[in-house]
């Protein structure tokens, strides 16, 4: 049962929540009963329905508690189905939430939204500045997931959340794929879902690393340079992907860079295979730079176990820069990405409260 708190007014309630460590450090919307009830109704599920437990504190996540986090984060009820799907994804044992919450590495759940929910539960931005400020759905949905991790999972900086520095994605880290303008099929369809499904894919990732590329449009081989640069960003020598190896990572291509690869006749699977082959660190470099990880007979170290670990999507504005998100590569399931279908068709609104 969700703990009920009382205060003389919302200003005092906000200060109380800060003192209790229930916020992410920023002001929150006070989760009064009426607001939480509206979120629960929007989920189409019973408030006491248990989704699972969240590490490292192993708190039990109910729909009502997720609704509390969604209210605090500033979500609209429309966003609730996506928030629920994201919570289901990080609770999945493959995500290794307990280990990820407790690691000293700078990792945070990156949420990638595909399908109709990008609009029906949003709109969730996929274009210019999608990971930056100004997009309410992106900001509040990602923040709601973090608040569940704080208040249900009990991940608190310096005690159970042991990230040495963290990164801003630990506040919110959410974007949609620009499906309409991409030369490739939607990411979720290549992950085995129907194109009309709405899907949230979550992967523990570092902050975005910028990859600059200004190719010659008349050079038919320019795409190879782009692939080389993306691989350098994904598996740069000091990264966990290059040293520890084996974890999933994300490539976010801007429209111009997607076009370069698409015009070269490459599919998403082709790009992943090309990057996989380029993402390695020679044993001698591992020995020279990271002796503690080299072993007795260091060999060439492939950053990924297979091309399937490299998630590729289009988002952002056109220009010189794409982004790569290396990962942590640890945990029992080696930092696996998890995809969950959004049950957006069960959404319902409370009559008469749309403007309240």
Protein backbone atom coordinates (compact mmCIF):
# COMPACT_ATOMS: atom_id res chain seq x y z
CA UNK A 1 0.00 0.00 0.00
CA UNK A 2 1.31 3.46 -0.89
CA UNK A 3 2.26 5.49 2.17
CA UNK A 4 0.01 8.50 2.70
CA UNK A 5 1.62 11.76 3.80
CA UNK A 6 0.00 15.00 4.94
CA UNK A 7 0.97 18.66 4.83
CA UNK A 8 -0.73 21.98 5.41
CA UNK A 9 -0.24 23.00 1.78
CA UNK A 10 1.61 21.97 -1.38
CA UNK A 11 4.61 24.17 -0.59
CA UNK A 12 5.19 22.30 2.66
CA UNK A 13 4.51 18.99 0.92
CA UNK A 14 7.22 19.76 -1.63
CA UNK A 15 9.77 20.55 1.07
CA UNK A 16 8.83 17.36 2.91
CA UNK A 17 9.35 15.27 -0.22
CA UNK A 18 12.76 16.86 -0.74
CA UNK A 19 13.76 16.15 2.87
CA UNK A 20 12.66 12.54 2.58
CA UNK A 21 14.83 12.06 -0.51
CA UNK A 22 11.78 11.31 -2.67
CA UNK A 23 12.67 13.73 -5.49
CA UNK A 24 15.40 13.86 -8.10
CA UNK A 25 16.50 17.22 -6.68
CA UNK A 26 14.08 19.23 -8.82
CA UNK A 27 10.62 20.42 -7.79
CA UNK A 28 7.85 17.89 -8.35
CA UNK A 29 4.09 17.96 -8.77
CA UNK A 30 2.52 16.95 -5.46
CA UNK A 31 0.90 13.50 -5.87
CA UNK A 32 -2.45 14.18 -4.22
CA UNK A 33 -5.03 11.39 -4.35
CA UNK A 34 -7.08 12.85 -7.21
CA UNK A 35 -4.04 13.21 -9.47
CA UNK A 36 -2.80 9.70 -8.75
CA UNK A 37 -6.26 8.20 -9.28
CA UNK A 38 -6.41 9.86 -12.68
CA UNK A 39 -3.08 8.26 -13.65
CA UNK A 40 -4.22 4.85 -12.47
CA UNK A 41 -7.42 5.14 -14.49
CA UNK A 42 -5.41 6.21 -17.53
CA UNK A 43 -3.38 2.99 -17.25
CA UNK A 44 -6.52 0.89 -17.59
CA UNK A 45 -5.21 -1.34 -14.81
CA UNK A 46 -6.02 -1.82 -11.13
CA UNK A 47 -4.02 0.37 -8.79
CA UNK A 48 -2.88 -2.58 -6.68
CA UNK A 49 -1.69 -4.60 -9.67
CA UNK A 50 1.93 -5.64 -9.06
CA UNK A 51 4.35 -5.18 -11.93
CA UNK A 52 7.33 -6.65 -10.07
CA UNK A 53 10.15 -5.57 -7.77
CA UNK A 54 12.70 -2.85 -8.38
CA UNK A 55 16.28 -3.12 -7.17
CA UNK A 56 18.43 -2.42 -5.35
CA UNK A 57 15.86 -1.93 -2.57
CA UNK A 58 13.53 -4.56 -4.07
CA UNK A 59 10.45 -2.43 -3.54
CA UNK A 60 7.21 -3.72 -5.00
CA UNK A 61 6.07 -1.67 -7.99
CA UNK A 62 2.30 -1.33 -8.25
CA UNK A 63 0.38 0.65 -10.83
CA UNK A 64 -0.57 3.14 -8.11
CA UNK A 65 3.06 3.71 -7.15
CA UNK A 66 4.02 4.16 -10.79
CA UNK A 67 1.14 6.64 -11.04
CA UNK A 68 2.59 8.56 -8.09
CA UNK A 69 5.92 8.85 -9.94
CA UNK A 70 4.16 9.94 -13.14
CA UNK A 71 2.31 12.70 -11.29
CA UNK A 72 5.48 13.88 -9.57
CA UNK A 73 7.33 13.96 -12.89
CA UNK A 74 4.69 16.18 -14.51
CA UNK A 75 3.24 13.58 -16.87
CA UNK A 76 -0.13 13.92 -18.53
CA UNK A 77 -2.40 10.87 -18.17
CA UNK A 78 -1.83 10.18 -21.88
CA UNK A 79 1.78 9.29 -21.06
CA UNK A 80 0.94 6.65 -18.46
CA UNK A 81 0.93 3.61 -20.82
CA UNK A 82 4.48 4.43 -21.93
CA UNK A 83 5.65 4.90 -18.35
CA UNK A 84 4.16 1.54 -17.36
CA UNK A 85 5.88 -0.17 -20.30
CA UNK A 86 9.22 1.40 -19.35
CA UNK A 87 8.86 0.19 -15.76
CA UNK A 88 8.05 -3.31 -17.02
CA UNK A 89 11.20 -3.18 -19.16
CA UNK A 90 13.59 -2.26 -16.35
CA UNK A 91 11.95 -4.78 -14.00
CA UNK A 92 12.57 -7.55 -16.53
CA UNK A 93 15.43 -9.69 -15.13
CA UNK A 94 17.35 -9.26 -18.40
CA UNK A 95 17.81 -5.58 -17.62
CA UNK A 96 19.83 -6.25 -14.43
CA UNK A 97 18.29 -3.24 -12.69
CA UNK A 98 19.76 -3.98 -9.25
CA UNK A 99 23.28 -4.18 -10.60
CA UNK A 100 22.82 -1.18 -12.86
CA UNK A 101 21.48 0.94 -10.02
CA UNK A 102 24.44 0.01 -7.81
CA UNK A 103 27.30 0.26 -10.31
CA UNK A 104 29.90 3.01 -10.13
CA UNK A 105 29.62 3.42 -13.91
CA UNK A 106 27.68 6.35 -15.43
CA UNK A 107 24.73 4.44 -16.84
CA UNK A 108 21.06 5.34 -17.08
CA UNK A 109 18.03 3.79 -18.80
CA UNK A 110 17.69 5.21 -22.29
CA UNK A 111 14.08 4.87 -23.50
CA UNK A 112 13.39 4.51 -27.23
CA UNK A 113 9.71 4.73 -28.19
CA UNK A 114 8.34 3.28 -31.41
CA UNK A 115 4.94 2.92 -33.02
CA UNK A 116 1.66 4.83 -32.68
CA UNK A 117 2.28 5.64 -28.99
CA UNK A 118 4.80 8.24 -30.15
CA UNK A 119 1.76 10.37 -30.97
CA UNK A 120 -1.14 8.92 -28.98
CA UNK A 121 0.89 8.97 -25.75
CA UNK A 122 2.79 12.12 -26.55
CA UNK A 123 3.78 13.51 -28.89
CA UNK A 124 7.20 12.16 -27.99
CA UNK A 125 9.85 14.11 -29.89
CA UNK A 126 12.13 12.42 -32.41
CA UNK A 127 13.49 15.42 -34.27
CA UNK A 128 15.73 18.37 -33.47
CA UNK A 129 16.77 18.44 -29.82
CA UNK A 130 14.82 15.28 -28.94
CA UNK A 131 17.08 14.54 -25.96
CA UNK A 132 17.17 18.16 -24.84
CA UNK A 133 14.79 20.57 -23.10
CA UNK A 134 11.44 21.76 -24.40
CA UNK A 135 9.69 18.44 -25.01
CA UNK A 136 7.23 17.76 -22.22
CA UNK A 137 6.52 14.12 -23.02
CA UNK A 138 10.18 13.16 -23.39
CA UNK A 139 11.18 15.00 -20.24
CA UNK A 140 8.38 13.84 -17.96
CA UNK A 141 8.18 10.22 -19.16
CA UNK A 142 11.89 9.70 -18.67
CA UNK A 143 11.74 11.50 -15.34
CA UNK A 144 8.84 9.33 -14.17
CA UNK A 145 10.95 6.22 -14.72
CA UNK A 146 13.78 7.73 -12.68
CA UNK A 147 11.41 8.61 -9.84
CA UNK A 148 10.20 5.00 -9.71
CA UNK A 149 13.83 3.93 -9.49
CA UNK A 150 14.36 6.35 -6.60
CA UNK A 151 11.19 5.77 -4.61
CA UNK A 152 10.37 2.13 -5.39
CA UNK A 153 13.86 0.84 -6.19
CA UNK A 154 15.39 2.97 -3.40
CA UNK A 155 18.37 4.07 -5.50
CA UNK A 156 19.83 7.05 -3.68
CA UNK A 157 23.14 8.72 -4.60
CA UNK A 158 26.08 7.63 -2.48
CA UNK A 159 24.26 4.85 -0.63
CA UNK A 160 22.61 2.54 -3.16
CA UNK A 161 23.13 4.45 -6.42
CA UNK A 162 26.91 4.34 -6.53
CA UNK A 163 27.61 6.12 -9.85
CA UNK A 164 30.84 8.03 -9.30
CA UNK A 165 29.63 11.02 -11.29
CA UNK A 166 26.50 10.00 -13.19
CA UNK A 167 25.27 11.95 -16.19
CA UNK A 168 22.25 14.16 -16.98
CA UNK A 169 20.37 11.22 -18.48
CA UNK A 170 19.83 10.07 -14.90
CA UNK A 171 17.21 12.84 -14.71
CA UNK A 172 15.47 11.87 -17.95
CA UNK A 173 16.57 9.97 -21.06
CA UNK A 174 13.77 9.43 -23.55
CA UNK A 175 13.18 9.92 -27.28
CA UNK A 176 11.14 8.48 -30.12
CA UNK A 177 12.45 7.13 -33.40
CA UNK A 178 11.86 9.32 -36.45
CA UNK A 179 10.13 6.48 -38.28
CA UNK A 180 8.45 8.58 -40.98
CA UNK A 181 11.70 10.02 -42.35
CA UNK A 182 14.03 7.07 -41.84
CA UNK A 183 15.22 4.97 -44.81
CA UNK A 184 15.06 1.93 -42.54
CA UNK A 185 12.10 0.00 -41.10
CA UNK A 186 11.11 1.03 -37.55
CA UNK A 187 13.46 -0.36 -34.93
CA UNK A 188 10.75 -2.34 -33.18
CA UNK A 189 9.79 -4.20 -36.36
CA UNK A 190 13.39 -5.40 -36.69
CA UNK A 191 13.18 -6.50 -33.06
CA UNK A 192 10.28 -8.83 -33.87
CA UNK A 193 7.23 -6.66 -33.19
CA UNK A 194 4.45 -5.75 -35.59
CA UNK A 195 4.85 -2.36 -37.23
CA UNK A 196 1.54 -1.20 -35.69
CA UNK A 197 2.65 -2.17 -32.19
CA UNK A 198 3.78 0.54 -29.80
CA UNK A 199 7.01 -0.50 -28.11
CA UNK A 200 9.40 0.90 -25.52
CA UNK A 201 12.99 -0.32 -25.73
CA UNK A 202 15.17 0.42 -22.71
CA UNK A 203 18.93 0.02 -22.51
CA UNK A 204 21.38 1.17 -19.84
CA UNK A 205 23.60 3.71 -21.58
CA UNK A 206 26.13 6.45 -21.09
CA UNK A 207 25.39 10.00 -22.14
CA UNK A 208 25.41 10.61 -25.92
CA UNK A 209 28.84 10.82 -27.56
CA UNK A 210 28.92 13.14 -30.56
CA UNK A 211 30.14 11.74 -33.90
CA UNK A 212 30.91 14.39 -36.52
CA UNK A 213 30.86 13.48 -40.22
CA UNK A 214 30.86 15.74 -43.28
CA UNK A 215 31.02 13.40 -46.24
CA UNK A 216 31.49 14.09 -49.92
CA UNK A 217 28.13 13.47 -51.56
CA UNK A 218 29.89 12.56 -54.82
CA UNK A 219 32.11 9.92 -53.21
CA UNK A 220 30.41 6.51 -53.37
CA UNK A 221 32.71 5.25 -50.63
CA UNK A 222 32.07 8.07 -48.14
CA UNK A 223 29.74 5.81 -46.14
CA UNK A 224 32.75 3.71 -45.12
CA UNK A 225 34.27 6.72 -43.38
CA UNK A 226 31.00 7.31 -41.53
CA UNK A 227 30.99 3.69 -40.38
CA UNK A 228 34.60 4.04 -39.21
CA UNK A 229 33.78 7.15 -37.20
CA UNK A 230 30.69 5.62 -35.60
CA UNK A 231 32.72 2.56 -34.60
CA UNK A 232 35.40 4.76 -33.05
CA UNK A 233 32.72 6.43 -30.94
CA UNK A 234 31.11 3.15 -29.89
CA UNK A 235 34.29 1.36 -28.88
CA UNK A 236 36.81 4.05 -28.06
CA UNK A 237 39.73 2.67 -26.06
CA UNK A 238 38.71 3.91 -22.57
CA UNK A 239 35.12 2.71 -22.93
CA UNK A 240 33.58 -0.28 -21.18
CA UNK A 241 32.49 -1.62 -24.56
CA UNK A 242 36.11 -1.84 -25.69
CA UNK A 243 37.59 -3.10 -22.41
CA UNK A 244 34.87 -5.15 -20.69
CA UNK A 245 33.00 -5.94 -23.97
CA UNK A 246 29.67 -7.62 -24.52
CA UNK A 247 27.06 -4.98 -23.65
CA UNK A 248 24.43 -3.45 -25.91
CA UNK A 249 24.93 0.05 -27.31
CA UNK A 250 22.90 2.57 -29.32
CA UNK A 251 23.57 4.49 -32.53
CA UNK A 252 21.33 7.49 -33.24
CA UNK A 253 21.76 8.61 -36.83
CA UNK A 254 20.69 12.05 -37.94
CA UNK A 255 18.70 12.20 -41.21
CA UNK A 256 21.71 13.13 -43.37
CA UNK A 257 23.82 10.29 -42.02
CA UNK A 258 20.94 7.86 -42.37
CA UNK A 259 20.62 8.91 -46.01
CA UNK A 260 24.33 8.31 -46.64
CA UNK A 261 24.05 4.74 -45.36
CA UNK A 262 20.68 4.15 -46.99
CA UNK A 263 21.91 5.34 -50.40
CA UNK A 264 24.83 2.92 -50.07
CA UNK A 265 22.23 0.14 -50.02
CA UNK A 266 22.82 -0.81 -46.41
CA UNK A 267 20.02 -2.19 -44.25
CA UNK A 268 19.95 -1.80 -40.47
CA UNK A 269 21.37 -5.32 -40.20
CA UNK A 270 24.14 -4.45 -42.68
CA UNK A 271 25.10 -1.37 -40.69
CA UNK A 272 25.17 -3.34 -37.44
CA UNK A 273 27.38 -6.01 -39.03
CA UNK A 274 29.75 -3.40 -40.45
CA UNK A 275 30.02 -1.68 -37.07
CA UNK A 276 30.48 -4.98 -35.27
CA UNK A 277 33.48 -5.81 -37.45
CA UNK A 278 35.00 -2.38 -36.83
CA UNK A 279 34.46 -2.31 -33.05
CA UNK A 280 37.52 -3.95 -31.56
CA UNK A 281 40.64 -3.18 -29.56
CA UNK A 282 43.94 -4.89 -30.28
CA UNK A 283 45.37 -6.93 -27.41
CA UNK A 284 48.56 -4.89 -27.32
CA UNK A 285 46.57 -1.71 -26.75
CA UNK A 286 44.57 -3.35 -23.97
CA UNK A 287 47.84 -4.44 -22.36
CA UNK A 288 49.40 -0.99 -22.71
CA UNK A 289 46.43 1.07 -21.59
CA UNK A 290 44.48 -1.26 -19.29
CA UNK A 291 46.92 -3.81 -17.87
CA UNK A 292 44.54 -4.82 -15.09
CA UNK A 293 42.10 -6.11 -17.74
CA UNK A 294 44.63 -7.60 -20.17
CA UNK A 295 45.21 -11.09 -18.77
CA UNK A 296 48.29 -13.19 -19.49
CA UNK A 297 47.91 -13.34 -23.27
CA UNK A 298 45.83 -10.43 -24.53
CA UNK A 299 44.17 -10.93 -27.90
CA UNK A 300 42.06 -8.72 -30.13
CA UNK A 301 38.97 -7.82 -28.12
CA UNK A 302 35.64 -7.48 -29.96
CA UNK A 303 33.40 -4.87 -28.32
CA UNK A 304 30.18 -6.79 -28.99
CA UNK A 305 29.14 -10.43 -28.90
CA UNK A 306 27.11 -10.03 -32.08
CA UNK A 307 25.77 -7.29 -34.38
CA UNK A 308 22.37 -7.69 -32.69
CA UNK A 309 23.71 -5.83 -29.65
CA UNK A 310 24.02 -2.61 -31.65
CA UNK A 311 20.67 -0.77 -31.74
CA UNK A 312 20.37 1.66 -34.65
CA UNK A 313 17.70 4.32 -35.15
CA UNK A 314 17.17 7.70 -36.78
CA UNK A 315 16.40 10.76 -34.68
CA UNK A 316 17.43 14.38 -34.35
CA UNK A 317 17.86 17.21 -36.81
CA UNK A 318 19.87 17.22 -40.04
CA UNK A 319 23.50 18.26 -39.96
CA UNK A 320 26.99 17.10 -39.07
CA UNK A 321 26.32 15.21 -35.86
CA UNK A 322 25.03 11.77 -35.00
CA UNK A 323 25.25 10.25 -31.53
CA UNK A 324 26.40 6.96 -30.07
CA UNK A 325 25.65 5.71 -26.58
CA UNK A 326 28.19 3.18 -25.27
CA UNK A 327 27.13 1.12 -22.29
CA UNK A 328 28.13 -0.55 -19.04
CA UNK A 329 28.58 -4.15 -20.30
CA UNK A 330 28.19 -5.76 -16.89
CA UNK A 331 25.51 -7.52 -14.84
CA UNK A 332 24.36 -11.10 -15.19
CA UNK A 333 22.84 -10.33 -18.60
CA UNK A 334 25.63 -8.01 -19.78
CA UNK A 335 23.59 -4.83 -20.02
CA UNK A 336 20.90 -6.26 -22.31
CA UNK A 337 18.32 -4.08 -24.05
CA UNK A 338 14.70 -4.97 -23.23
CA UNK A 339 11.65 -4.16 -25.37
CA UNK A 340 8.07 -4.11 -24.03
CA UNK A 341 4.83 -3.54 -25.93
CA UNK A 342 2.87 -0.47 -24.82
CA UNK A 343 -0.73 -1.29 -23.94
CA UNK A 344 -1.93 2.04 -25.28
CA UNK A 345 -5.29 0.68 -26.41
CA UNK A 346 -6.46 0.36 -22.80
CA UNK A 347 -6.09 4.07 -22.11
CA UNK A 348 -9.15 5.92 -20.84
CA UNK A 349 -9.69 9.43 -19.54
CA UNK A 350 -11.83 10.62 -16.66
CA UNK A 351 -14.80 12.59 -18.13
CA UNK A 352 -14.81 16.23 -17.14
CA UNK A 353 -11.25 16.29 -15.75
CA UNK A 354 -9.33 16.93 -18.94
CA UNK A 355 -8.69 20.55 -18.02
CA UNK A 356 -8.54 20.21 -14.26
